[in-house]
N, C-alpha and C. Protein backbone atom coordinates (compact mmCIF):
# COMPACT_ATOMS: atom_id res chain seq x y z
N MET A 1 -3.91 -2.63 34.39
CA MET A 1 -5.12 -2.92 33.31
C MET A 1 -4.77 -5.09 33.16
N LYS A 2 -5.96 -4.88 33.47
CA LYS A 2 -5.93 -6.55 33.44
C LYS A 2 -5.90 -7.26 31.56
N SER A 3 -4.95 -7.78 31.34
CA SER A 3 -5.46 -8.00 29.47
C SER A 3 -6.08 -9.22 29.88
N LYS A 4 -6.80 -9.18 28.43
CA LYS A 4 -8.37 -10.30 28.23
C LYS A 4 -7.94 -11.75 27.57
N SER A 5 -8.33 -12.49 27.98
CA SER A 5 -7.97 -13.92 27.46
C SER A 5 -8.33 -13.82 25.97
N PHE A 6 -7.13 -14.61 25.59
CA PHE A 6 -7.65 -15.01 23.95
C PHE A 6 -9.39 -15.38 23.63
N SER A 7 -9.76 -14.89 22.62
CA SER A 7 -10.67 -15.11 22.11
C SER A 7 -10.85 -15.19 20.77
N ILE A 8 -11.16 -16.47 20.37
CA ILE A 8 -11.30 -16.26 18.65
C ILE A 8 -12.60 -15.64 17.66
N SER A 9 -13.78 -14.97 18.45
CA SER A 9 -14.39 -14.13 17.87
C SER A 9 -14.01 -12.80 18.00
N GLU A 10 -13.22 -12.39 19.02
CA GLU A 10 -12.61 -11.60 19.66
C GLU A 10 -11.64 -10.77 18.09
N ARG A 11 -10.52 -12.14 17.51
CA ARG A 11 -9.65 -11.90 16.37
C ARG A 11 -10.48 -11.68 15.54
N ILE A 12 -11.65 -12.56 15.19
CA ILE A 12 -12.54 -12.79 13.88
C ILE A 12 -12.50 -11.11 13.86
N LYS A 13 -13.03 -10.38 14.68
CA LYS A 13 -13.37 -9.12 14.84
C LYS A 13 -12.70 -8.16 14.31
N SER A 14 -11.77 -8.15 14.55
CA SER A 14 -10.10 -7.43 14.27
C SER A 14 -10.14 -7.47 12.95
N PHE A 15 -10.04 -9.25 12.55
CA PHE A 15 -9.85 -9.21 10.92
C PHE A 15 -10.81 -8.67 10.18
N ARG A 16 -11.88 -8.47 10.58
CA ARG A 16 -13.60 -7.54 10.11
C ARG A 16 -12.47 -6.04 9.57
N TYR A 17 -12.07 -5.05 11.28
CA TYR A 17 -11.88 -4.19 11.25
C TYR A 17 -10.68 -3.93 9.81
N ALA A 18 -9.68 -4.90 10.53
CA ALA A 18 -8.46 -4.71 9.86
C ALA A 18 -9.26 -4.18 7.97
N TRP A 19 -10.31 -5.84 7.07
CA TRP A 19 -10.82 -5.64 6.24
C TRP A 19 -11.16 -4.49 5.73
N ARG A 20 -12.15 -3.58 6.84
CA ARG A 20 -12.66 -2.69 6.65
C ARG A 20 -11.74 -1.47 6.28
N GLY A 21 -10.74 -1.33 7.22
CA GLY A 21 -9.70 -0.65 6.65
C GLY A 21 -9.25 -0.38 5.45
N ILE A 22 -9.04 -1.33 4.73
CA ILE A 22 -8.70 -1.37 3.46
C ILE A 22 -9.45 -1.31 2.44
N VAL A 23 -10.84 -1.72 3.30
CA VAL A 23 -11.61 -1.61 1.50
C VAL A 23 -11.87 -0.13 2.09
N ARG A 24 -12.34 0.54 3.30
CA ARG A 24 -12.30 2.49 3.03
C ARG A 24 -11.18 2.80 2.52
N LEU A 25 -9.76 2.08 2.46
CA LEU A 25 -8.57 3.17 1.60
C LEU A 25 -9.25 3.11 0.36
N VAL A 26 -9.48 2.02 -0.27
CA VAL A 26 -9.76 2.00 -1.92
C VAL A 26 -10.65 2.75 -2.31
N ARG A 27 -11.94 2.76 -1.29
CA ARG A 27 -13.02 3.19 -1.12
C ARG A 27 -12.48 4.82 -2.13
N TYR A 28 -12.55 5.53 -0.99
CA TYR A 28 -11.97 6.94 -0.58
C TYR A 28 -10.88 7.64 -1.18
N GLU A 29 -9.55 6.72 -1.29
CA GLU A 29 -8.28 7.65 -1.37
C GLU A 29 -8.03 7.39 -2.95
N HIS A 30 -7.78 8.42 -3.46
CA HIS A 30 -7.65 8.40 -4.84
C HIS A 30 -6.04 7.46 -5.33
N ASN A 31 -5.61 8.04 -4.34
CA ASN A 31 -4.17 7.24 -4.46
C ASN A 31 -4.24 5.92 -4.89
N ALA A 32 -4.20 5.27 -3.44
CA ALA A 32 -4.61 3.78 -3.30
C ALA A 32 -5.63 3.33 -4.71
N ARG A 33 -6.37 3.53 -5.02
CA ARG A 33 -7.32 3.32 -6.18
C ARG A 33 -5.82 3.05 -7.68
N ILE A 34 -5.05 4.03 -7.65
CA ILE A 34 -4.24 4.06 -8.46
C ILE A 34 -3.11 3.00 -8.58
N HIS A 35 -2.68 2.86 -7.16
CA HIS A 35 -1.99 1.81 -6.45
C HIS A 35 -2.73 0.87 -7.11
N LEU A 36 -3.92 0.47 -6.83
CA LEU A 36 -4.51 -1.10 -6.97
C LEU A 36 -4.39 -1.14 -8.72
N THR A 37 -4.28 -0.16 -9.27
CA THR A 37 -4.42 -0.71 -10.98
C THR A 37 -3.39 -0.73 -11.49
N ILE A 38 -2.85 0.00 -10.71
CA ILE A 38 -0.65 -0.40 -11.03
C ILE A 38 -0.69 -1.28 -10.32
N ALA A 39 -0.82 -2.46 -9.49
CA ALA A 39 -0.86 -3.60 -8.86
C ALA A 39 -1.13 -4.72 -9.81
N LEU A 40 -2.77 -4.31 -10.04
CA LEU A 40 -3.53 -5.33 -11.25
C LEU A 40 -2.73 -5.03 -12.37
N ILE A 41 -1.76 -4.38 -12.89
CA ILE A 41 -1.50 -4.56 -14.26
C ILE A 41 -0.09 -5.03 -13.84
N ALA A 42 0.72 -5.23 -12.62
CA ALA A 42 1.50 -6.09 -12.50
C ALA A 42 1.56 -7.20 -12.61
N ILE A 43 0.40 -7.28 -11.65
CA ILE A 43 0.51 -9.21 -11.67
C ILE A 43 -0.36 -9.09 -13.09
N LEU A 44 -1.16 -8.94 -14.29
CA LEU A 44 -1.86 -9.31 -15.42
C LEU A 44 -0.01 -9.69 -15.99
N LEU A 45 0.92 -9.23 -15.97
CA LEU A 45 2.00 -8.82 -16.64
C LEU A 45 2.44 -10.11 -15.66
N GLY A 46 2.77 -10.36 -14.82
CA GLY A 46 3.24 -11.40 -14.28
C GLY A 46 2.61 -13.08 -14.56
N PHE A 47 1.52 -12.56 -15.33
CA PHE A 47 0.76 -14.44 -15.44
C PHE A 47 1.58 -14.10 -17.50
N ILE A 48 1.26 -12.88 -18.09
CA ILE A 48 1.61 -13.32 -19.49
C ILE A 48 2.87 -13.66 -19.62
N PHE A 49 3.64 -12.92 -18.70
CA PHE A 49 4.90 -13.49 -18.70
C PHE A 49 5.52 -14.60 -18.55
N ASN A 50 4.77 -15.37 -17.26
CA ASN A 50 4.81 -16.13 -17.03
C ASN A 50 6.39 -16.29 -15.89
N ILE A 51 6.45 -14.90 -14.82
CA ILE A 51 7.70 -14.59 -14.14
C ILE A 51 7.60 -16.02 -12.55
N GLY A 52 9.00 -15.92 -12.93
CA GLY A 52 9.54 -17.00 -12.06
C GLY A 52 9.23 -17.00 -9.79
N ALA A 53 9.70 -17.65 -9.48
CA ALA A 53 8.82 -17.41 -7.90
C ALA A 53 9.84 -15.84 -7.46
N LEU A 54 11.14 -15.71 -7.39
CA LEU A 54 11.41 -14.44 -7.08
C LEU A 54 10.96 -13.29 -7.61
N GLU A 55 10.53 -13.61 -9.20
CA GLU A 55 9.99 -12.55 -8.99
C GLU A 55 8.77 -12.36 -8.73
N TRP A 56 7.86 -13.10 -8.53
CA TRP A 56 6.25 -13.24 -7.84
C TRP A 56 7.05 -12.18 -6.58
N LEU A 57 7.57 -12.27 -5.63
CA LEU A 57 8.08 -12.72 -4.91
C LEU A 57 8.00 -10.80 -4.49
N SER A 58 9.36 -10.80 -5.47
CA SER A 58 9.67 -8.98 -5.52
C SER A 58 8.48 -8.25 -5.72
N ILE A 59 7.34 -8.80 -6.81
CA ILE A 59 5.88 -8.15 -6.69
C ILE A 59 5.11 -7.90 -5.57
N ALA A 60 5.07 -8.94 -5.08
CA ALA A 60 4.19 -9.41 -3.55
C ALA A 60 4.33 -8.72 -2.82
N LEU A 61 5.79 -8.47 -2.66
CA LEU A 61 6.38 -7.83 -1.12
C LEU A 61 6.16 -6.29 -1.84
N SER A 62 6.17 -5.86 -2.91
CA SER A 62 6.56 -4.23 -3.59
C SER A 62 4.96 -3.65 -3.32
N ILE A 63 3.93 -4.38 -3.69
CA ILE A 63 2.75 -3.90 -3.86
C ILE A 63 2.12 -3.94 -2.09
N GLY A 64 2.85 -5.34 -1.19
CA GLY A 64 2.21 -4.91 0.01
C GLY A 64 2.72 -3.69 0.63
N LEU A 65 3.97 -3.74 0.42
CA LEU A 65 4.77 -2.52 1.35
C LEU A 65 3.97 -0.92 0.54
N VAL A 66 3.56 -1.01 -0.57
CA VAL A 66 3.06 0.09 -1.12
C VAL A 66 1.54 0.38 -0.23
N PHE A 67 1.27 -0.46 -0.25
CA PHE A 67 -0.48 -0.63 0.26
C PHE A 67 -0.41 0.13 1.72
N ALA A 68 0.80 -0.86 2.79
CA ALA A 68 1.02 -0.56 4.15
C ALA A 68 1.31 0.90 4.03
N ALA A 69 2.21 1.78 3.42
CA ALA A 69 2.77 2.60 3.36
C ALA A 69 1.15 3.41 3.20
N GLU A 70 0.71 3.21 2.05
CA GLU A 70 -0.97 4.74 1.89
C GLU A 70 -1.52 4.13 3.08
N LEU A 71 -1.62 3.22 3.46
CA LEU A 71 -2.54 3.00 4.89
C LEU A 71 -2.05 3.80 6.14
N PHE A 72 -0.80 3.35 5.77
CA PHE A 72 -0.14 4.67 7.45
C PHE A 72 -0.37 5.67 7.02
N ASN A 73 -0.09 6.46 5.92
CA ASN A 73 -0.39 7.61 5.45
C ASN A 73 -1.97 8.23 5.62
N SER A 74 -2.37 7.43 5.47
CA SER A 74 -3.94 8.16 4.94
C SER A 74 -3.83 7.78 7.08
N ALA A 75 -3.95 7.07 7.39
CA ALA A 75 -4.37 7.07 9.24
C ALA A 75 -3.68 8.57 9.40
N ILE A 76 -2.18 8.62 9.36
CA ILE A 76 -1.23 9.92 10.08
C ILE A 76 -1.99 11.23 9.31
N GLU A 77 -2.79 11.12 7.62
CA GLU A 77 -3.07 12.57 7.17
C GLU A 77 -4.88 12.69 8.80
N LYS A 78 -5.42 11.62 8.79
CA LYS A 78 -6.46 11.10 9.83
C LYS A 78 -6.71 11.83 10.98
N ILE A 79 -5.34 11.58 11.34
CA ILE A 79 -5.08 12.02 13.01
C ILE A 79 -4.34 13.30 13.40
N CYS A 80 -3.98 13.81 12.04
CA CYS A 80 -3.67 14.82 12.20
C CYS A 80 -4.57 15.94 11.31
N ASP A 81 -5.88 15.97 10.78
CA ASP A 81 -6.80 16.46 10.63
C ASP A 81 -7.80 16.30 11.61
N LEU A 82 -7.79 15.23 12.41
CA LEU A 82 -8.38 15.38 13.99
C LEU A 82 -8.14 16.68 14.98
N ILE A 83 -6.52 16.50 15.08
CA ILE A 83 -5.99 17.66 15.59
C ILE A 83 -6.63 18.75 15.21
N THR A 84 -6.07 18.74 14.14
CA THR A 84 -6.62 20.17 13.48
C THR A 84 -6.98 20.44 12.38
N LEU A 85 -8.24 21.32 11.67
CA LEU A 85 -8.14 21.74 10.39
C LEU A 85 -7.46 22.82 10.07
N GLU A 86 -7.10 23.34 11.07
CA GLU A 86 -6.59 24.90 10.61
C GLU A 86 -5.06 24.04 10.13
N LYS A 87 -4.40 25.30 9.24
CA LYS A 87 -3.34 24.98 8.20
C LYS A 87 -2.18 25.27 9.70
N HIS A 88 -1.60 24.55 9.69
CA HIS A 88 0.03 24.49 11.10
C HIS A 88 1.11 24.05 10.52
N PRO A 89 2.42 24.46 10.36
CA PRO A 89 3.46 24.20 9.70
C PRO A 89 3.68 23.26 9.78
N GLN A 90 4.12 22.25 11.66
CA GLN A 90 3.93 21.04 11.76
C GLN A 90 3.51 20.18 11.65
N ILE A 91 2.02 20.16 11.43
CA ILE A 91 0.84 19.09 10.60
C ILE A 91 1.48 19.07 9.36
N LYS A 92 1.67 20.17 8.65
CA LYS A 92 1.80 20.04 7.18
C LYS A 92 3.14 19.40 7.09
N LEU A 93 4.14 19.45 7.77
CA LEU A 93 5.85 18.89 7.37
C LEU A 93 5.04 17.32 8.24
N ILE A 94 4.77 16.77 9.12
CA ILE A 94 4.09 15.01 8.91
C ILE A 94 3.38 14.69 8.09
N LYS A 95 2.08 15.94 7.96
CA LYS A 95 1.57 14.88 6.20
C LYS A 95 2.60 14.67 5.17
N ASP A 96 3.30 16.09 5.04
CA ASP A 96 4.55 15.41 3.86
C ASP A 96 5.53 14.83 4.11
N TYR A 97 6.07 14.86 5.34
CA TYR A 97 6.99 13.23 5.27
C TYR A 97 5.90 11.64 5.23
N SER A 98 4.73 11.75 5.73
CA SER A 98 4.34 10.09 5.64
C SER A 98 3.95 10.20 4.07
N ALA A 99 3.84 10.74 3.31
CA ALA A 99 3.07 11.18 1.72
C ALA A 99 4.33 10.90 1.12
N GLY A 100 5.95 11.37 1.22
CA GLY A 100 7.06 11.11 1.07
C GLY A 100 7.46 9.38 1.29
N ALA A 101 7.39 9.07 2.38
CA ALA A 101 7.04 7.79 2.32
C ALA A 101 6.46 6.77 1.15
N VAL A 102 5.23 6.93 1.28
CA VAL A 102 4.69 6.64 0.09
C VAL A 102 5.05 6.50 -1.13
N LEU A 103 5.87 7.76 -1.94
CA LEU A 103 6.03 7.61 -2.72
C LEU A 103 7.33 7.18 -3.13
N VAL A 104 8.18 7.41 -1.38
CA VAL A 104 9.60 6.04 -1.97
C VAL A 104 9.51 5.07 -2.67
N LEU A 105 8.26 4.10 -1.30
CA LEU A 105 7.98 2.94 -1.73
C LEU A 105 7.93 2.90 -3.16
N ALA A 106 6.39 4.04 -3.12
CA ALA A 106 5.86 3.89 -5.32
C ALA A 106 7.28 3.25 -5.94
N ILE A 107 7.97 4.54 -5.96
CA ILE A 107 9.24 4.64 -6.66
C ILE A 107 10.12 3.32 -6.67
N SER A 108 10.41 2.71 -5.73
CA SER A 108 11.01 1.40 -5.71
C SER A 108 10.12 0.17 -6.42
N ALA A 109 8.89 0.08 -5.99
CA ALA A 109 8.23 -0.69 -6.63
C ALA A 109 7.80 -0.43 -8.36
N VAL A 110 8.28 0.41 -8.96
CA VAL A 110 7.95 0.66 -9.89
C VAL A 110 9.79 0.40 -10.78
N VAL A 111 10.72 0.52 -10.01
CA VAL A 111 11.60 0.37 -10.14
C VAL A 111 11.85 -1.35 -10.36
N VAL A 112 11.49 -1.69 -9.32
CA VAL A 112 11.39 -3.38 -9.60
C VAL A 112 10.21 -4.06 -10.46
N GLY A 113 9.52 -3.13 -10.92
CA GLY A 113 8.85 -3.80 -11.86
C GLY A 113 9.33 -3.21 -13.21
N LEU A 114 10.10 -2.34 -13.20
CA LEU A 114 11.09 -2.59 -14.83
C LEU A 114 12.33 -3.31 -15.15
N ILE A 115 12.72 -3.20 -13.01
CA ILE A 115 13.48 -4.52 -13.70
C ILE A 115 12.84 -5.52 -14.46
N ILE A 116 12.28 -6.38 -13.39
CA ILE A 116 11.12 -7.92 -14.01
C ILE A 116 11.03 -7.58 -15.28
N PHE A 117 9.69 -6.49 -15.67
CA PHE A 117 9.16 -6.80 -16.75
C PHE A 117 10.09 -6.28 -18.24
N ILE A 118 10.62 -5.26 -18.19
CA ILE A 118 11.48 -4.34 -19.48
C ILE A 118 12.46 -5.78 -19.97
N PRO A 119 13.19 -6.34 -19.42
CA PRO A 119 13.68 -7.23 -20.41
C PRO A 119 12.90 -8.26 -21.04
N LYS A 120 11.41 -8.70 -20.40
CA LYS A 120 10.51 -9.68 -20.79
C LYS A 120 10.08 -9.11 -22.59
N VAL A 121 9.88 -7.73 -21.92
CA VAL A 121 8.95 -6.87 -23.48
C VAL A 121 10.46 -6.94 -24.11
N ILE A 122 11.41 -6.48 -23.85
CA ILE A 122 12.57 -6.29 -25.02
C ILE A 122 12.38 -7.55 -26.02
N ILE A 123 12.54 -9.20 -25.43
CA ILE A 123 12.66 -9.97 -25.91
C ILE A 123 11.50 -10.21 -27.00
N LEU A 124 10.67 -9.69 -26.69
CA LEU A 124 9.19 -9.69 -27.61
C LEU A 124 9.82 -8.51 -29.13
N PHE A 125 10.38 -7.83 -28.65
CA PHE A 125 10.49 -6.94 -29.90
C PHE A 125 12.32 -7.53 -30.58
C-alpha cells in the first residue's frame, strides 16, 4: 500500500472528525455529560481558589484522561454492538473492562480534586 503525501486539507479534515467525535460523545453519552459537568465545576473552583500551575496541570490532565477514557469506552461499546446485539459473555466482559477503566480514571480524578480543593475549603471555615 502506497502512503499518501502530507496534505494540510486532510489534516484539517481529521481534526473536524475528531471534534465531531467529542461533540457526539457529549451529546449522546449520559456519563460524558456528568464528566463535563464535574470538569466545569473543577475549573470554576480552580478560578475561585486561584490554584497554582501544578494544580491546574493536575486538573487538566485528570479531565483529559477521563474524557479520553470515555471516548475509548464508547468506541469499544459501539464496536461490540456492531459485532452482535445479542447477549454474549465475552462482549459483556469487554464492555465491563472498558467501563471499569473509565471508573478507575474518574475515581483518580475525584481524588486529585479532593487533594487540591479540600485544604482550600477548610481554610475558608
